[in-house]
Amino acid sequence: MIVGDIMLDVYMKGKVERISPEAPVPIVSVTETFSRLGGAANVAQNLKALGAEPILCSIIGKDEKSNDLLRLMSDQNMKTSGIARSEDRITTRKVRILGNNAQMLRVDTEDTFDLTQQEYNLLMTRIKDIINNENIDGIILQDYNKGVLTENLIMDVVALANSKNIPVGVDPKKKNFLAYKNVTFFKPNLKELREGLGISSKEDSIEEITKAVDSLHEILHCRYLMTTLSERGVLIKDYETGVCHHIPAHIRKIADVSGAGDTVLSVAMLCLVCQQEAHNIAALSNLAGGLVCEEIGAVPIDKGRLMEESKKIQ
């Protein structure tokens, strides 16, 4: 199960050959427009690509964008039983304009206020029904600060999951960073780790990062803490065994980093529910995150390519 903010990613690709006479900006002559699942829905499509059966749980609007989003889910044979629609908010859409294969502009249309009580009740009812009636092996909370993952929803989902021994993995954002207590797996990036703990120092040696991770664990009490470090790879610590690993990044030709964090958490949680050890969780998810950065837009990981690349790092 994936609970969180889902969005429609729209890409407008074209050529740039001149500057506008109206303002000092490039003119993009659009040659292609396409849409993809974004946010928590990108996590779902990564899991689907790896052979898992994802069930998305979220609130979207009652608008044309929501129809497009549901069509994309249907195209990938994803269940929509966890999606509730509200007249009080719009469906998040991000339009990226690319000229000569470089992103020139992004235009966001969204609501970011917390769920209303009515929306919370609607979504929580669906979450409980799915947990009680489906064979859920793991739950991912994918936070983009768009209002779905409120503090109350986080606490209630985690409590329900823990009562049924279902592992919970989190990709956090700053607003509710310290609300994810007692989850199984917590994956901030380095910037989020600093902001979440109020660390102003830019000292980022592995030793200092590990100290910050230990401080965070004293607050959250999760089993695994994995921090993504961009070009420096990932750092994971298993607080049940005390084992800590730093996995360096692989050299890649980076085309687009959007969606990479979604892929990392997808692979990490799938490894976790398959009872892999901390090193393998970090190594495979780190590898997958690098692979999707070679593609334009939020794309699911290619299972065959991940398998082949993983053999090279054994």
C-alpha atoms as a PDB file:
ATOM      1  CA  MET A   1       0.000   0.000   0.000  1.00  0.00           C
ATOM      2  CA  ILE A   2       1.196   3.499  -0.866  1.00  0.00           C
ATOM      3  CA  VAL A   3      -0.384   6.415   1.002  1.00  0.00           C
ATOM      4  CA  GLY A   4       0.471   9.972   0.025  1.00  0.00           C
ATOM      5  CA  ASP A   5       0.298  12.798  -2.455  1.00  0.00           C
ATOM      6  CA  ILE A   6      -0.274  11.690  -6.035  1.00  0.00           C
ATOM      7  CA  MET A   7       0.048  13.980  -9.009  1.00  0.00           C
ATOM      8  CA  LEU A   8      -0.122  14.203 -12.759  1.00  0.00           C
ATOM      9  CA  ASP A   9       3.205  14.951 -14.435  1.00  0.00           C
ATOM     10  CA  VAL A  10       2.831  16.586 -17.864  1.00  0.00           C
ATOM     11  CA  TYR A  11       5.791  16.998 -20.205  1.00  0.00           C
ATOM     12  CA  MET A  12       5.885  19.397 -23.154  1.00  0.00           C
ATOM     13  CA  LYS A  13       8.967  18.784 -25.298  1.00  0.00           C
ATOM     14  CA  GLY A  14      10.170  20.870 -28.194  1.00  0.00           C
ATOM     15  CA  LYS A  15      12.927  22.827 -29.879  1.00  0.00           C
ATOM     16  CA  VAL A  16      14.404  26.180 -28.951  1.00  0.00           C
ATOM     17  CA  GLU A  17      15.704  28.150 -31.915  1.00  0.00           C
ATOM     18  CA  ARG A  18      15.091  31.767 -30.969  1.00  0.00           C
ATOM     19  CA  ILE A  19      14.419  34.236 -28.165  1.00  0.00           C
ATOM     20  CA  SER A  20      11.009  35.857 -27.779  1.00  0.00           C
ATOM     21  CA  PRO A  21      10.732  39.474 -29.003  1.00  0.00           C
ATOM     22  CA  GLU A  22       8.285  40.100 -26.130  1.00  0.00           C
ATOM     23  CA  ALA A  23      10.694  39.247 -23.292  1.00  0.00           C
ATOM     24  CA  PRO A  24      14.216  37.817 -22.896  1.00  0.00           C
ATOM     25  CA  VAL A  25      12.970  34.228 -22.751  1.00  0.00           C
ATOM     26  CA  PRO A  26      13.398  31.271 -25.122  1.00  0.00           C
ATOM     27  CA  ILE A  27      10.531  30.187 -27.359  1.00  0.00           C
ATOM     28  CA  VAL A  28       9.835  26.439 -27.149  1.00  0.00           C
ATOM     29  CA  SER A  29       8.162  25.072 -30.271  1.00  0.00           C
ATOM     30  CA  VAL A  30       6.355  22.065 -28.794  1.00  0.00           C
ATOM     31  CA  THR A  31       6.622  18.831 -30.765  1.00  0.00           C
ATOM     32  CA  GLU A  32       5.443  16.312 -28.156  1.00  0.00           C
ATOM     33  CA  THR A  33       3.202  16.335 -25.080  1.00  0.00           C
ATOM     34  CA  PHE A  34       2.733  13.372 -22.756  1.00  0.00           C
ATOM     35  CA  SER A  35       1.624  12.632 -19.180  1.00  0.00           C
ATOM     36  CA  ARG A  36       2.977  10.325 -16.490  1.00  0.00           C
ATOM     37  CA  LEU A  37       2.088   9.290 -12.971  1.00  0.00           C
ATOM     38  CA  GLY A  38       3.913  11.385 -10.384  1.00  0.00           C
ATOM     39  CA  GLY A  39       4.482  11.585  -6.649  1.00  0.00           C
ATOM     40  CA  ALA A  40       3.207   8.585  -4.714  1.00  0.00           C
ATOM     41  CA  ALA A  41       1.817   7.217  -7.988  1.00  0.00           C
ATOM     42  CA  ASN A  42       5.382   7.010  -9.315  1.00  0.00           C
ATOM     43  CA  VAL A  43       6.231   4.836  -6.320  1.00  0.00           C
ATOM     44  CA  ALA A  44       3.323   2.594  -7.297  1.00  0.00           C
ATOM     45  CA  GLN A  45       4.450   2.263 -10.912  1.00  0.00           C
ATOM     46  CA  ASN A  46       7.982   1.394  -9.779  1.00  0.00           C
ATOM     47  CA  LEU A  47       6.604  -1.368  -7.560  1.00  0.00           C
ATOM     48  CA  LYS A  48       4.402  -2.571 -10.415  1.00  0.00           C
ATOM     49  CA  ALA A  49       7.411  -2.700 -12.736  1.00  0.00           C
ATOM     50  CA  LEU A  50       9.241  -4.879 -10.205  1.00  0.00           C
ATOM     51  CA  GLY A  51       6.394  -7.395  -9.972  1.00  0.00           C
ATOM     52  CA  ALA A  52       4.595  -6.213  -6.832  1.00  0.00           C
ATOM     53  CA  GLU A  53       0.881  -5.304  -6.664  1.00  0.00           C
ATOM     54  CA  PRO A  54       0.591  -1.695  -5.433  1.00  0.00           C
ATOM     55  CA  ILE A  55      -2.591  -0.167  -4.032  1.00  0.00           C
ATOM     56  CA  LEU A  56      -2.574   3.642  -3.999  1.00  0.00           C
ATOM     57  CA  CYS A  57      -4.477   5.506  -1.283  1.00  0.00           C
ATOM     58  CA  SER A  58      -4.941   9.243  -1.714  1.00  0.00           C
ATOM     59  CA  ILE A  59      -7.337  12.148  -2.198  1.00  0.00           C
ATOM     60  CA  ILE A  60      -7.622  13.822  -5.593  1.00  0.00           C
ATOM     61  CA  GLY A  61     -10.001  16.396  -7.037  1.00  0.00           C
ATOM     62  CA  LYS A  62     -13.123  15.969  -9.129  1.00  0.00           C
ATOM     63  CA  ASP A  63     -11.625  17.560 -12.235  1.00  0.00           C
ATOM     64  CA  GLU A  64     -10.323  16.689 -15.671  1.00  0.00           C
ATOM     65  CA  LYS A  65      -6.813  16.186 -14.302  1.00  0.00           C
ATOM     66  CA  SER A  66      -8.120  13.508 -11.959  1.00  0.00           C
ATOM     67  CA  ASN A  67      -9.717  11.725 -14.922  1.00  0.00           C
ATOM     68  CA  ASP A  68      -6.364  11.762 -16.730  1.00  0.00           C
ATOM     69  CA  LEU A  69      -4.627  10.408 -13.634  1.00  0.00           C
ATOM     70  CA  LEU A  70      -7.134   7.578 -13.189  1.00  0.00           C
ATOM     71  CA  ARG A  71      -6.790   6.698 -16.880  1.00  0.00           C
ATOM     72  CA  LEU A  72      -3.020   6.373 -16.480  1.00  0.00           C
ATOM     73  CA  MET A  73      -3.544   4.095 -13.476  1.00  0.00           C
ATOM     74  CA  SER A  74      -6.007   2.005 -15.451  1.00  0.00           C
ATOM     75  CA  ASP A  75      -3.523   1.742 -18.334  1.00  0.00           C
ATOM     76  CA  GLN A  76      -1.079   0.120 -15.900  1.00  0.00           C
ATOM     77  CA  ASN A  77      -3.746  -2.152 -14.380  1.00  0.00           C
ATOM     78  CA  MET A  78      -3.498  -0.456 -10.992  1.00  0.00           C
ATOM     79  CA  LYS A  79      -6.324  -0.697  -8.496  1.00  0.00           C
ATOM     80  CA  THR A  80      -8.177   2.544  -7.791  1.00  0.00           C
ATOM     81  CA  SER A  81     -10.106   1.350  -4.718  1.00  0.00           C
ATOM     82  CA  GLY A  82      -7.932   3.499  -2.439  1.00  0.00           C
ATOM     83  CA  ILE A  83      -8.469   6.749  -4.381  1.00  0.00           C
ATOM     84  CA  ALA A  84     -11.087   9.150  -3.031  1.00  0.00           C
ATOM     85  CA  ARG A  85     -12.233  12.290  -4.867  1.00  0.00           C
ATOM     86  CA  SER A  86     -13.055  15.597  -3.217  1.00  0.00           C
ATOM     87  CA  GLU A  87     -14.785  18.705  -4.531  1.00  0.00           C
ATOM     88  CA  ASP A  88     -12.809  20.819  -2.050  1.00  0.00           C
ATOM     89  CA  ARG A  89      -9.378  20.411  -3.646  1.00  0.00           C
ATOM     90  CA  ILE A  90      -7.826  20.162  -7.091  1.00  0.00           C
ATOM     91  CA  THR A  91      -5.671  17.382  -8.469  1.00  0.00           C
ATOM     92  CA  THR A  92      -1.985  18.282  -8.357  1.00  0.00           C
ATOM     93  CA  ARG A  93      -0.449  18.782 -11.803  1.00  0.00           C
ATOM     94  CA  LYS A  94       3.146  19.628 -12.672  1.00  0.00           C
ATOM     95  CA  VAL A  95       3.805  20.781 -16.234  1.00  0.00           C
ATOM     96  CA  ARG A  96       7.446  20.597 -17.277  1.00  0.00           C
ATOM     97  CA  ILE A  97       8.501  22.413 -20.429  1.00  0.00           C
ATOM     98  CA  LEU A  98      11.613  21.021 -22.066  1.00  0.00           C
ATOM     99  CA  GLY A  99      13.505  22.694 -24.879  1.00  0.00           C
ATOM    100  CA  ASN A 100      16.358  20.891 -26.629  1.00  0.00           C
ATOM    101  CA  ASN A 101      16.066  18.137 -23.967  1.00  0.00           C
ATOM    102  CA  ALA A 102      16.665  20.581 -21.102  1.00  0.00           C
ATOM    103  CA  GLN A 103      13.992  21.658 -18.631  1.00  0.00           C
ATOM    104  CA  MET A 104      13.204  25.327 -19.194  1.00  0.00           C
ATOM    105  CA  LEU A 105      10.262  25.824 -16.837  1.00  0.00           C
ATOM    106  CA  ARG A 106       7.917  24.000 -14.471  1.00  0.00           C
ATOM    107  CA  VAL A 107       4.352  25.162 -13.815  1.00  0.00           C
ATOM    108  CA  ASP A 108       2.550  23.704 -10.775  1.00  0.00           C
ATOM    109  CA  THR A 109      -1.202  23.729 -10.180  1.00  0.00           C
ATOM    110  CA  GLU A 110      -2.052  22.409  -6.731  1.00  0.00           C
ATOM    111  CA  ASP A 111      -3.665  22.707  -3.314  1.00  0.00           C
ATOM    112  CA  THR A 112      -1.346  22.202  -0.350  1.00  0.00           C
ATOM    113  CA  PHE A 113      -3.667  22.610   2.641  1.00  0.00           C
ATOM    114  CA  ASP A 114      -4.243  19.684   5.004  1.00  0.00           C
ATOM    115  CA  LEU A 115      -7.127  17.293   4.463  1.00  0.00           C
ATOM    116  CA  THR A 116     -10.427  18.438   5.883  1.00  0.00           C
ATOM    117  CA  GLN A 117     -12.018  16.212   8.537  1.00  0.00           C
ATOM    118  CA  GLN A 118     -14.428  14.883   5.914  1.00  0.00           C
ATOM    119  CA  GLU A 119     -11.565  14.059   3.527  1.00  0.00           C
ATOM    120  CA  TYR A 120      -9.614  12.419   6.344  1.00  0.00           C
ATOM    121  CA  ASN A 121     -12.592  10.223   7.262  1.00  0.00           C
ATOM    122  CA  LEU A 122     -13.123   9.287   3.619  1.00  0.00           C
ATOM    123  CA  LEU A 123      -9.488   8.320   3.067  1.00  0.00           C
ATOM    124  CA  MET A 124      -8.995   6.566   6.415  1.00  0.00           C
ATOM    125  CA  THR A 125     -12.072   4.412   5.798  1.00  0.00           C
ATOM    126  CA  ARG A 126     -10.588   3.214   2.521  1.00  0.00           C
ATOM    127  CA  ILE A 127      -7.196   2.571   4.108  1.00  0.00           C
ATOM    128  CA  LYS A 128      -8.739   0.457   6.891  1.00  0.00           C
ATOM    129  CA  ASP A 129     -10.859  -1.516   4.441  1.00  0.00           C
ATOM    130  CA  ILE A 130      -7.853  -2.322   2.257  1.00  0.00           C
ATOM    131  CA  ILE A 131      -5.636  -3.314   5.188  1.00  0.00           C
ATOM    132  CA  ASN A 132      -8.380  -5.559   6.560  1.00  0.00           C
ATOM    133  CA  ASN A 133      -9.296  -7.174   3.238  1.00  0.00           C
ATOM    134  CA  GLU A 134      -6.089  -7.282   1.203  1.00  0.00           C
ATOM    135  CA  ASN A 135      -2.885  -9.153   1.927  1.00  0.00           C
ATOM    136  CA  ILE A 136      -0.720  -6.067   2.512  1.00  0.00           C
ATOM    137  CA  ASP A 137       2.985  -6.904   2.966  1.00  0.00           C
ATOM    138  CA  GLY A 138       4.174  -3.334   3.455  1.00  0.00           C
ATOM    139  CA  ILE A 139       3.001   0.280   3.595  1.00  0.00           C
ATOM    140  CA  ILE A 140       4.802   3.264   2.079  1.00  0.00           C
ATOM    141  CA  LEU A 141       4.051   6.811   3.224  1.00  0.00           C
ATOM    142  CA  GLN A 142       5.156   9.129   0.402  1.00  0.00           C
ATOM    143  CA  ASP A 143       5.056  12.754   1.537  1.00  0.00           C
ATOM    144  CA  TYR A 144       5.218  15.699  -0.858  1.00  0.00           C
ATOM    145  CA  ASN A 145       3.737  18.303   1.501  1.00  0.00           C
ATOM    146  CA  LYS A 146       0.517  18.527  -0.524  1.00  0.00           C
ATOM    147  CA  GLY A 147      -1.743  17.931   2.478  1.00  0.00           C
ATOM    148  CA  VAL A 148      -2.646  14.236   2.317  1.00  0.00           C
ATOM    149  CA  LEU A 149      -0.238  13.025   5.001  1.00  0.00           C
ATOM    150  CA  THR A 150      -1.425  15.031   7.983  1.00  0.00           C
ATOM    151  CA  GLU A 151      -0.007  14.365  11.427  1.00  0.00           C
ATOM    152  CA  ASN A 152      -3.199  12.572  12.488  1.00  0.00           C
ATOM    153  CA  LEU A 153      -3.281  10.389   9.375  1.00  0.00           C
ATOM    154  CA  ILE A 154       0.388   9.477   9.827  1.00  0.00           C
ATOM    155  CA  MET A 155      -0.088   8.453  13.458  1.00  0.00           C
ATOM    156  CA  ASP A 156      -3.270   6.481  12.737  1.00  0.00           C
ATOM    157  CA  VAL A 157      -1.845   4.578   9.763  1.00  0.00           C
ATOM    158  CA  VAL A 158       1.385   3.747  11.608  1.00  0.00           C
ATOM    159  CA  ALA A 159      -0.528   2.573  14.690  1.00  0.00           C
ATOM    160  CA  LEU A 160      -2.796   0.382  12.543  1.00  0.00           C
ATOM    161  CA  ALA A 161       0.158  -1.060  10.632  1.00  0.00           C
ATOM    162  CA  ASN A 162       2.124  -1.802  13.802  1.00  0.00           C
ATOM    163  CA  SER A 163      -0.895  -3.545  15.339  1.00  0.00           C
ATOM    164  CA  LYS A 164      -0.896  -5.903  12.347  1.00  0.00           C
ATOM    165  CA  ASN A 165       2.926  -6.216  12.092  1.00  0.00           C
ATOM    166  CA  ILE A 166       3.025  -4.554   8.664  1.00  0.00           C
ATOM    167  CA  PRO A 167       6.328  -2.726   8.018  1.00  0.00           C
ATOM    168  CA  VAL A 168       6.062   0.974   7.175  1.00  0.00           C
ATOM    169  CA  GLY A 169       8.541   2.905   5.015  1.00  0.00           C
ATOM    170  CA  VAL A 170       8.641   6.698   4.731  1.00  0.00           C
ATOM    171  CA  ASP A 171       9.910   9.302   2.287  1.00  0.00           C
ATOM    172  CA  PRO A 172       9.481  12.437   4.451  1.00  0.00           C
ATOM    173  CA  LYS A 173       9.199  16.156   3.925  1.00  0.00           C
ATOM    174  CA  LYS A 174      10.013  18.939   6.371  1.00  0.00           C
ATOM    175  CA  LYS A 175       6.519  19.789   7.664  1.00  0.00           C
ATOM    176  CA  ASN A 176       5.819  16.489   9.449  1.00  0.00           C
ATOM    177  CA  PHE A 177       9.402  15.247   9.556  1.00  0.00           C
ATOM    178  CA  LEU A 178       9.324  14.258  13.230  1.00  0.00           C
ATOM    179  CA  ALA A 179       5.779  12.839  13.165  1.00  0.00           C
ATOM    180  CA  TYR A 180       6.865   9.481  11.733  1.00  0.00           C
ATOM    181  CA  LYS A 181       7.589   7.797  15.046  1.00  0.00           C
ATOM    182  CA  ASN A 182       7.849   3.998  15.284  1.00  0.00           C
ATOM    183  CA  VAL A 183       7.973   3.353  11.533  1.00  0.00           C
ATOM    184  CA  THR A 184      10.180   0.585  10.164  1.00  0.00           C
ATOM    185  CA  PHE A 185      12.151   2.429   7.504  1.00  0.00           C
ATOM    186  CA  PHE A 186      12.819   6.173   7.208  1.00  0.00           C
ATOM    187  CA  LYS A 187      14.523   7.667   4.139  1.00  0.00           C
ATOM    188  CA  PRO A 188      15.372  11.390   4.160  1.00  0.00           C
ATOM    189  CA  ASN A 189      17.906  13.008   1.895  1.00  0.00           C
ATOM    190  CA  LEU A 190      20.758  14.985   3.434  1.00  0.00           C
ATOM    191  CA  LYS A 191      18.984  18.339   3.066  1.00  0.00           C
ATOM    192  CA  GLU A 192      15.842  16.965   4.738  1.00  0.00           C
ATOM    193  CA  LEU A 193      17.923  15.444   7.537  1.00  0.00           C
ATOM    194  CA  ARG A 194      19.570  18.806   8.259  1.00  0.00           C
ATOM    195  CA  GLU A 195      16.308  20.758   8.082  1.00  0.00           C
ATOM    196  CA  GLY A 196      14.339  18.218  10.081  1.00  0.00           C
ATOM    197  CA  LEU A 197      16.830  18.304  12.940  1.00  0.00           C
ATOM    198  CA  GLY A 198      17.549  22.029  12.666  1.00  0.00           C
ATOM    199  CA  ILE A 199      21.233  21.466  11.868  1.00  0.00           C
ATOM    200  CA  SER A 200      22.836  24.668  10.568  1.00  0.00           C
ATOM    201  CA  SER A 201      26.364  23.276  10.202  1.00  0.00           C
ATOM    202  CA  LYS A 202      27.391  22.275   6.684  1.00  0.00           C
ATOM    203  CA  GLU A 203      29.816  19.667   8.046  1.00  0.00           C
ATOM    204  CA  ASP A 204      28.895  16.567   6.094  1.00  0.00           C
ATOM    205  CA  SER A 205      31.546  13.962   6.767  1.00  0.00           C
ATOM    206  CA  ILE A 206      30.144  10.441   7.045  1.00  0.00           C
ATOM    207  CA  GLU A 207      30.939  10.527  10.769  1.00  0.00           C
ATOM    208  CA  GLU A 208      28.938  13.726  11.293  1.00  0.00           C
ATOM    209  CA  ILE A 209      26.036  12.442   9.197  1.00  0.00           C
ATOM    210  CA  THR A 210      26.000   9.236  11.247  1.00  0.00           C
ATOM    211  CA  LYS A 211      25.814  11.293  14.457  1.00  0.00           C
ATOM    212  CA  ALA A 212      22.844  13.214  13.043  1.00  0.00           C
ATOM    213  CA  VAL A 213      21.160   9.945  12.062  1.00  0.00           C
ATOM    214  CA  ASP A 214      21.670   8.625  15.600  1.00  0.00           C
ATOM    215  CA  SER A 215      20.073  11.788  16.989  1.00  0.00           C
ATOM    216  CA  LEU A 216      17.096  11.323  14.689  1.00  0.00           C
ATOM    217  CA  HIS A 217      16.721   7.708  15.789  1.00  0.00           C
ATOM    218  CA  GLU A 218      16.436   8.830  19.407  1.00  0.00           C
ATOM    219  CA  ILE A 219      13.302  10.735  18.366  1.00  0.00           C
ATOM    220  CA  LEU A 220      11.717   8.373  15.824  1.00  0.00           C
ATOM    221  CA  HIS A 221      12.719   4.914  17.110  1.00  0.00           C
ATOM    222  CA  CYS A 222      12.591   3.344  13.651  1.00  0.00           C
ATOM    223  CA  ARG A 223      14.545   0.211  12.781  1.00  0.00           C
ATOM    224  CA  TYR A 224      16.232   1.446   9.603  1.00  0.00           C
ATOM    225  CA  LEU A 225      17.425   4.951   8.770  1.00  0.00           C
ATOM    226  CA  MET A 226      18.710   5.446   5.238  1.00  0.00           C
ATOM    227  CA  THR A 227      19.961   8.849   4.120  1.00  0.00           C
ATOM    228  CA  THR A 228      20.466   9.540   0.419  1.00  0.00           C
ATOM    229  CA  LEU A 229      23.572  11.645  -0.239  1.00  0.00           C
ATOM    230  CA  SER A 230      23.236  12.483  -3.972  1.00  0.00           C
ATOM    231  CA  GLU A 231      26.599  11.952  -5.668  1.00  0.00           C
ATOM    232  CA  ARG A 232      27.980  10.387  -2.473  1.00  0.00           C
ATOM    233  CA  GLY A 233      25.559   7.474  -2.469  1.00  0.00           C
ATOM    234  CA  VAL A 234      23.556   6.376   0.572  1.00  0.00           C
ATOM    235  CA  LEU A 235      24.104   5.735   4.273  1.00  0.00           C
ATOM    236  CA  ILE A 236      22.001   3.086   6.031  1.00  0.00           C
ATOM    237  CA  LYS A 237      21.935   1.984   9.652  1.00  0.00           C
ATOM    238  CA  ASP A 238      20.026  -0.974  11.067  1.00  0.00           C
ATOM    239  CA  TYR A 239      19.286  -0.152  14.712  1.00  0.00           C
ATOM    240  CA  GLU A 240      18.368  -3.737  15.528  1.00  0.00           C
ATOM    241  CA  THR A 241      21.827  -5.040  14.650  1.00  0.00           C
ATOM    242  CA  GLY A 242      23.784  -1.771  14.976  1.00  0.00           C
ATOM    243  CA  VAL A 243      25.288  -2.316  11.509  1.00  0.00           C
ATOM    244  CA  CYS A 244      25.969   0.786   9.397  1.00  0.00           C
ATOM    245  CA  HIS A 245      26.879   0.872   5.687  1.00  0.00           C
ATOM    246  CA  HIS A 246      27.948   3.665   3.365  1.00  0.00           C
ATOM    247  CA  ILE A 247      27.274   2.700  -0.266  1.00  0.00           C
ATOM    248  CA  PRO A 248      29.014   5.008  -2.799  1.00  0.00           C
ATOM    249  CA  ALA A 249      27.129   6.265  -5.838  1.00  0.00           C
ATOM    250  CA  HIS A 250      27.715   4.834  -9.316  1.00  0.00           C
ATOM    251  CA  ILE A 251      28.951   7.143 -12.051  1.00  0.00           C
ATOM    252  CA  ARG A 252      26.014   7.963 -14.323  1.00  0.00           C
ATOM    253  CA  LYS A 253      25.142  10.325 -17.142  1.00  0.00           C
ATOM    254  CA  ILE A 254      22.400  12.255 -15.357  1.00  0.00           C
ATOM    255  CA  ALA A 255      19.492  13.359 -17.553  1.00  0.00           C
ATOM    256  CA  ASP A 256      16.803  14.089 -14.932  1.00  0.00           C
ATOM    257  CA  VAL A 257      16.692  13.510 -11.166  1.00  0.00           C
ATOM    258  CA  SER A 258      12.900  13.859 -10.848  1.00  0.00           C
ATOM    259  CA  GLY A 259      11.350  10.725  -9.383  1.00  0.00           C
ATOM    260  CA  ALA A 260      14.658   9.189  -8.283  1.00  0.00           C
ATOM    261  CA  GLY A 261      13.688   9.316  -4.601  1.00  0.00           C
ATOM    262  CA  ASP A 262      10.447   7.493  -5.419  1.00  0.00           C
ATOM    263  CA  THR A 263      12.424   4.713  -7.086  1.00  0.00           C
ATOM    264  CA  VAL A 264      14.876   4.452  -4.197  1.00  0.00           C
ATOM    265  CA  LEU A 265      12.107   3.999  -1.620  1.00  0.00           C
ATOM    266  CA  SER A 266      10.192   1.562  -3.847  1.00  0.00           C
ATOM    267  CA  VAL A 267      13.161  -0.751  -4.259  1.00  0.00           C
ATOM    268  CA  ALA A 268      14.229  -0.375  -0.622  1.00  0.00           C
ATOM    269  CA  MET A 269      10.808  -1.319   0.750  1.00  0.00           C
ATOM    270  CA  LEU A 270      10.453  -4.230  -1.650  1.00  0.00           C
ATOM    271  CA  CYS A 271      13.851  -5.496  -0.456  1.00  0.00           C
ATOM    272  CA  LEU A 272      12.754  -5.024   3.141  1.00  0.00           C
ATOM    273  CA  VAL A 273       9.527  -7.016   2.823  1.00  0.00           C
ATOM    274  CA  CYS A 274      11.586  -9.723   1.067  1.00  0.00           C
ATOM    275  CA  GLN A 275      13.726  -9.780   4.235  1.00  0.00           C
ATOM    276  CA  GLN A 276      16.968  -8.556   2.709  1.00  0.00           C
ATOM    277  CA  GLU A 277      19.727  -7.290   4.983  1.00  0.00           C
ATOM    278  CA  ALA A 278      20.562  -3.605   5.301  1.00  0.00           C
ATOM    279  CA  HIS A 279      23.504  -3.694   2.878  1.00  0.00           C
ATOM    280  CA  ASN A 280      21.419  -5.196   0.076  1.00  0.00           C
ATOM    281  CA  ILE A 281      18.526  -2.803   0.730  1.00  0.00           C
ATOM    282  CA  ALA A 282      20.866   0.177   0.359  1.00  0.00           C
ATOM    283  CA  ALA A 283      22.934  -1.199  -2.526  1.00  0.00           C
ATOM    284  CA  LEU A 284      19.979  -2.159  -4.739  1.00  0.00           C
ATOM    285  CA  SER A 285      17.936   0.975  -4.067  1.00  0.00           C
ATOM    286  CA  ASN A 286      21.002   3.178  -4.622  1.00  0.00           C
ATOM    287  CA  LEU A 287      21.650   1.421  -7.935  1.00  0.00           C
ATOM    288  CA  ALA A 288      18.008   1.796  -9.017  1.00  0.00           C
ATOM    289  CA  GLY A 289      17.946   5.515  -8.177  1.00  0.00           C
ATOM    290  CA  GLY A 290      20.974   6.092 -10.379  1.00  0.00           C
ATOM    291  CA  LEU A 291      19.509   4.150 -13.287  1.00  0.00           C
ATOM    292  CA  VAL A 292      16.281   6.171 -13.485  1.00  0.00           C
ATOM    293  CA  CYS A 293      18.274   9.431 -13.442  1.00  0.00           C
ATOM    294  CA  GLU A 294      19.458   8.519 -16.935  1.00  0.00           C
ATOM    295  CA  GLU A 295      15.901   8.916 -18.253  1.00  0.00           C
ATOM    296  CA  ILE A 296      13.802  12.043 -18.877  1.00  0.00           C
ATOM    297  CA  GLY A 297      10.875  12.369 -16.469  1.00  0.00           C
ATOM    298  CA  ALA A 298       9.601  10.130 -13.700  1.00  0.00           C
ATOM    299  CA  VAL A 299       9.891   6.652 -15.173  1.00  0.00           C
ATOM    300  CA  PRO A 300       9.641   3.252 -13.448  1.00  0.00           C
ATOM    301  CA  ILE A 301      12.755   1.185 -13.008  1.00  0.00           C
ATOM    302  CA  ASP A 302      13.498  -1.416 -15.677  1.00  0.00           C
ATOM    303  CA  LYS A 303      13.560  -4.719 -13.782  1.00  0.00           C
ATOM    304  CA  GLY A 304      15.751  -6.497 -16.316  1.00  0.00           C
ATOM    305  CA  ARG A 305      18.330  -3.728 -16.387  1.00  0.00           C
ATOM    306  CA  LEU A 306      18.384  -3.515 -12.589  1.00  0.00           C
ATOM    307  CA  MET A 307      19.014  -7.261 -12.436  1.00  0.00           C
ATOM    308  CA  GLU A 308      21.889  -7.053 -14.925  1.00  0.00           C
ATOM    309  CA  GLU A 309      23.475  -4.035 -13.218  1.00  0.00           C
ATOM    310  CA  SER A 310      23.143  -5.657  -9.790  1.00  0.00           C
ATOM    311  CA  LYS A 311      25.253  -8.621 -10.921  1.00  0.00           C
ATOM    312  CA  LYS A 312      28.138  -6.237 -11.565  1.00  0.00           C
ATOM    313  CA  ILE A 313      28.221  -4.978  -7.970  1.00  0.00           C
ATOM    314  CA  GLN A 314      28.039  -8.311  -6.138  1.00  0.00           C
END
